Structure formats: C-alpha cells, structure tokens
Protein backbone atom coordinates (compact mmCIF):
# COMPACT_ATOMS: atom_id res chain seq x y z
CA MET A 1 50.22 66.06 190.70
CA THR A 2 47.79 63.27 190.21
CA GLY A 3 48.28 60.34 187.90
CA LEU A 4 45.80 61.81 185.44
CA GLU A 5 47.63 65.11 185.41
CA LYS A 6 50.89 63.24 184.80
CA ILE A 7 49.40 61.39 181.83
CA VAL A 8 47.98 64.64 180.43
CA GLN A 9 51.37 66.31 180.96
CA GLU A 10 53.12 63.43 179.19
CA ILE A 11 50.71 63.63 176.27
CA LEU A 12 51.26 67.39 176.07
CA ASN A 13 55.03 66.90 176.22
CA GLU A 14 54.88 64.26 173.51
CA ALA A 15 52.60 66.48 171.44
CA GLU A 16 55.00 69.40 171.89
CA SER A 17 57.95 67.21 170.99
CA ALA A 18 56.14 65.82 167.91
CA ALA A 19 55.09 69.34 166.90
CA GLY A 20 58.68 70.57 167.35
CA GLN A 21 59.97 67.72 165.26
CA ALA A 22 57.32 68.40 162.59
CA ILE A 23 58.20 72.11 162.59
CA SER A 24 61.93 71.31 162.38
CA ALA A 25 61.32 68.90 159.52
CA ALA A 26 59.18 71.49 157.75
CA GLU A 27 61.85 74.17 158.30
CA ARG A 28 64.53 71.80 156.92
CA GLU A 29 62.32 71.07 153.92
CA VAL A 30 61.73 74.79 153.32
CA ALA A 31 65.47 75.44 153.61
CA GLY A 32 66.17 72.63 151.14
CA ILE A 33 63.58 74.02 148.73
CA GLU A 34 65.06 77.52 149.11
CA GLU A 35 68.58 76.15 148.60
CA GLU A 36 67.49 74.20 145.53
CA ALA A 37 65.66 77.25 144.20
CA GLY A 38 68.80 79.32 144.78
CA LYS A 39 70.91 76.78 142.92
CA SER A 40 68.34 76.55 140.14
CA SER A 41 68.10 80.32 139.78
CA GLY A 42 71.90 80.48 139.89
CA ARG A 43 72.04 77.94 137.09
CA GLN A 44 69.37 79.87 135.22
CA ALA A 45 71.30 83.10 135.76
CA GLU A 46 74.53 81.43 134.56
CA LYS A 47 72.69 80.09 131.52
CA ILE A 48 71.26 83.55 130.78
CA VAL A 49 74.68 85.20 131.23
CA ARG A 50 76.38 82.58 129.05
CA GLY A 51 73.67 82.97 126.38
CA SER A 52 74.01 86.76 126.55
CA LYS A 53 77.79 86.55 126.17
CA GLU A 54 77.43 84.21 123.18
CA ALA A 55 74.81 86.50 121.61
CA ALA A 56 77.01 89.55 122.24
CA ALA A 57 80.02 87.76 120.71
CA GLU A 58 77.95 86.82 117.66
CA ILE A 59 76.66 90.40 117.27
CA LEU A 60 80.23 91.72 117.60
CA LYS A 61 81.46 89.18 115.02
CA ARG A 62 78.70 90.20 112.57
CA ALA A 63 79.42 93.90 113.19
CA GLN A 64 83.13 93.38 112.53
CA SER A 65 82.38 91.40 109.38
CA SER A 66 79.97 94.07 108.19
CA ALA A 67 82.50 96.84 108.94
CA GLU A 68 85.22 94.94 107.05
CA LEU A 69 82.90 94.48 104.06
CA LYS A 70 81.99 98.18 104.06
CA LYS A 71 85.68 99.07 104.27
CA ARG A 72 86.50 96.85 101.27
CA GLN A 73 83.57 98.34 99.34
CA LYS A 74 84.75 101.89 100.10
CA VAL A 75 88.31 101.05 99.04
CA LEU A 76 87.02 99.46 95.82
CA GLN A 77 84.77 102.44 95.14
CA ALA A 78 87.69 104.85 95.71
CA LYS A 79 89.89 102.81 93.37
CA GLN A 80 87.19 102.78 90.69
CA GLU A 81 86.77 106.56 90.98
CA MET A 82 90.53 107.05 90.66
CA ILE A 83 90.63 104.79 87.60
CA ARG A 84 87.70 106.69 86.02
CA ASP A 85 89.47 110.00 86.74
CA VAL A 86 92.73 108.83 85.16
CA ILE A 87 90.93 107.52 82.04
CA GLY A 88 88.85 110.72 81.85
CA LYS A 89 92.00 112.85 82.06
CA ALA A 90 93.67 110.77 79.36
CA ARG A 91 90.59 111.23 77.17
CA ARG A 92 90.58 115.02 77.74
CA THR A 93 94.33 115.22 77.14
CA LEU A 94 93.84 113.77 73.64
CA SER A 95 91.33 116.46 72.75
CA GLU A 96 93.57 119.20 74.13
CA LEU A 97 96.70 118.24 72.17
CA PRO A 98 98.19 120.86 69.86
CA ASP A 99 96.92 120.50 66.28
CA ASP A 100 99.96 118.68 64.86
CA SER A 101 100.09 116.16 67.74
CA TYR A 102 96.32 115.73 67.67
CA PHE A 103 96.25 114.91 63.96
CA ASP A 104 99.23 112.55 64.39
CA VAL A 105 97.00 110.59 66.77
CA ILE A 106 94.11 110.77 64.27
CA LEU A 107 96.41 109.37 61.57
CA LYS A 108 97.59 106.49 63.81
CA VAL A 109 94.00 105.55 64.64
CA ALA A 110 93.03 105.78 60.96
CA ALA A 111 95.96 103.51 59.99
CA LYS A 112 94.47 100.77 62.18
CA ALA A 113 90.90 101.24 60.94
CA VAL A 114 91.38 101.87 57.19
CA LEU A 115 89.93 99.31 54.77
CA PRO A 116 91.32 98.39 51.34
CA GLN A 117 88.66 100.43 49.53
CA GLU A 118 87.63 104.00 48.82
CA GLY A 119 86.25 105.96 51.78
CA GLU A 120 85.89 109.28 53.56
CA MET A 121 86.86 110.58 56.99
CA ILE A 122 84.21 112.70 58.72
CA LEU A 123 85.48 115.07 61.43
CA SER A 124 83.76 117.40 63.88
CA PRO A 125 83.28 121.00 62.69
CA GLU A 126 86.01 122.13 65.13
CA ASP A 127 88.50 119.51 63.92
CA ARG A 128 87.58 120.12 60.25
CA SER A 129 88.49 123.78 60.69
CA ARG A 130 91.92 123.04 62.20
CA VAL A 131 93.22 120.30 59.89
CA PRO A 132 96.93 121.04 59.49
CA GLU A 133 98.52 121.51 56.12
CA GLY A 134 99.63 118.25 54.55
CA PHE A 135 97.34 116.06 56.67
CA ALA A 136 95.06 115.13 53.75
CA GLN A 137 98.07 113.86 51.76
CA ARG A 138 99.41 111.87 54.74
CA LEU A 139 95.94 110.36 55.24
CA GLU A 140 95.74 109.34 51.57
CA GLU A 141 99.24 107.80 51.72
CA THR A 142 98.34 105.82 54.85
CA ALA A 143 95.19 104.46 53.16
CA ARG A 144 97.08 103.68 49.96
CA ASP A 145 99.67 101.67 51.93
CA ARG A 146 96.79 99.45 53.01
CA GLY A 147 95.24 99.13 49.58
CA GLY A 148 92.57 101.82 50.05
CA SER A 149 91.86 105.48 49.59
CA LEU A 150 90.67 108.06 52.15
CA LYS A 151 89.60 111.66 51.66
CA ILE A 152 88.51 114.20 54.26
CA SER A 153 84.75 114.61 53.90
CA GLU A 154 83.02 117.97 53.52
CA GLU A 155 80.37 116.59 55.90
CA THR A 156 80.92 117.10 59.64
CA ARG A 157 79.50 115.33 62.71
CA ASN A 158 79.00 116.34 66.29
CA LEU A 159 82.00 114.45 67.74
CA SER A 160 84.09 115.24 70.79
CA GLY A 161 87.32 114.17 69.12
CA GLY A 162 88.22 111.47 66.66
CA PHE A 163 86.40 110.74 63.42
CA VAL A 164 84.01 108.48 61.53
CA LEU A 165 85.14 106.50 58.48
CA VAL A 166 82.53 105.98 55.77
CA TYR A 167 82.84 103.27 53.12
CA GLY A 168 79.77 103.37 50.91
CA GLY A 169 76.89 102.95 53.34
CA VAL A 170 79.06 101.43 56.10
CA GLU A 171 80.41 103.60 58.92
CA GLU A 172 83.22 102.90 61.37
CA ASN A 173 82.96 105.07 64.50
CA CYS A 174 86.48 106.03 65.51
CA SER A 175 85.44 108.90 67.77
CA PHE A 176 87.47 109.08 70.96
CA ASP A 177 84.31 108.35 72.96
CA ALA A 178 83.71 105.15 70.95
CA LEU A 179 87.36 104.10 71.15
CA PHE A 180 87.52 104.64 74.90
CA ALA A 181 84.20 102.79 75.37
CA ALA A 182 85.45 99.83 73.28
CA GLU A 183 88.69 99.67 75.25
CA HIS A 184 87.15 100.47 78.63
CA GLU A 185 87.81 97.11 80.26
CA ARG A 186 91.41 96.86 79.02
CA LEU A 187 92.11 100.49 80.01
CA THR A 188 90.59 99.93 83.44
CA ASP A 189 92.75 96.84 84.00
CA ARG A 190 95.89 98.64 82.82
CA VAL A 191 95.29 101.74 84.97
CA ASN A 192 94.48 99.49 87.93
CA GLU A 193 97.82 97.73 87.43
CA LEU A 194 99.71 101.01 87.24
CA LEU A 195 98.02 102.58 90.26
CA PHE A 196 97.55 99.65 92.63
CA ARG A 197 100.15 96.95 92.00
C-alpha cells in the first residue's frame, strides 16, 4: 500500500467513524424523542383517563341526585293521592249517612253558621224530600238560641250535600263541597299527620 492509499484509507476510516458517530447520535436523538413522545402520550392518556373518571363520577352523582329527587316526588305524589282519597271518602261518607245522622250533621253545621236574624235554609231536592220529622223545630230552636230564626225553604238547589243559608239577599254556602274546599288545607294537614307521622 502506497502512502497515498494509506492517506485515502485513513480519510475513509475517519469518514466511516464520523458517519457512525453521527448515525449513533441521530439514533440516540430519535430514541430520546420516541421516549419523550411515549412519556407525553402516557401523560396525555393519564390526563384523559383521569378526566373521564371525573366526568363519569360527576354524571353518576347527577344521576343519583336526579333519581333521589324523582323518588321523593313519587313519594310525595303518592302521599297526596292518599290524602285526597281519605278526604274524598270522608266527604262521601257524610252524604251516605242515614237520614237522622245526616241531619244531625246539618244541624251542627247550621249552629256554627246561623246569624242573629231571620233566614231560610235551602236544601237539595233529595235532602228536602228526606227531612226527618222534628228537624224543622230543632233548626228553629238552634237559630233562636243564637238570636235568629231559620225556616226550611221551599226553594231547592242543586247541591251534593249540605245547604245554603239565605238572609235577605245574602247567602252563606254551607254545602259540603264548599265546607271541604274552605277547610282543604287544614284537612290535608290533619290527614297527613294521621297517616304519616
């Protein structure tokens, strides 16, 4: 090998060595980039998983809260229906009382509503036809005890129980429907107490 060939060989060897080092450095850099990308994507994946878990927990929490609210609403609705049923049955029971008991109730209601003046009691056609003997006298006595006078009117009204008191041009609706409507809130509270305490 000549001197020139040796120099050329040395240059080639150096070039190969430099190229090898450059390739190694490039490979290390690529590996570092890949490793960093792996770590970054791992962090991204962790962040996504953590965010998904938090979102799922929030959705579950809202679903549980919504389910609890619906449950409370259903319970309340069921209670209200039961209260309405009890009040409705009480209302029907009044209308279905035997004549004597029914007109005892009518007299008690009249005693609370009578005014110290002359008036008339208007009944439904059905009630007018079943007034028990002696009721008119008891009604008059009750009114007299309060400084007034009450007679059973010849006029009738379409009532589903109870009566209307008329004093001159002023009327007092004492029908069972009106009485139950006026006492609705108090009755509801009382039935609620009895059923759900």
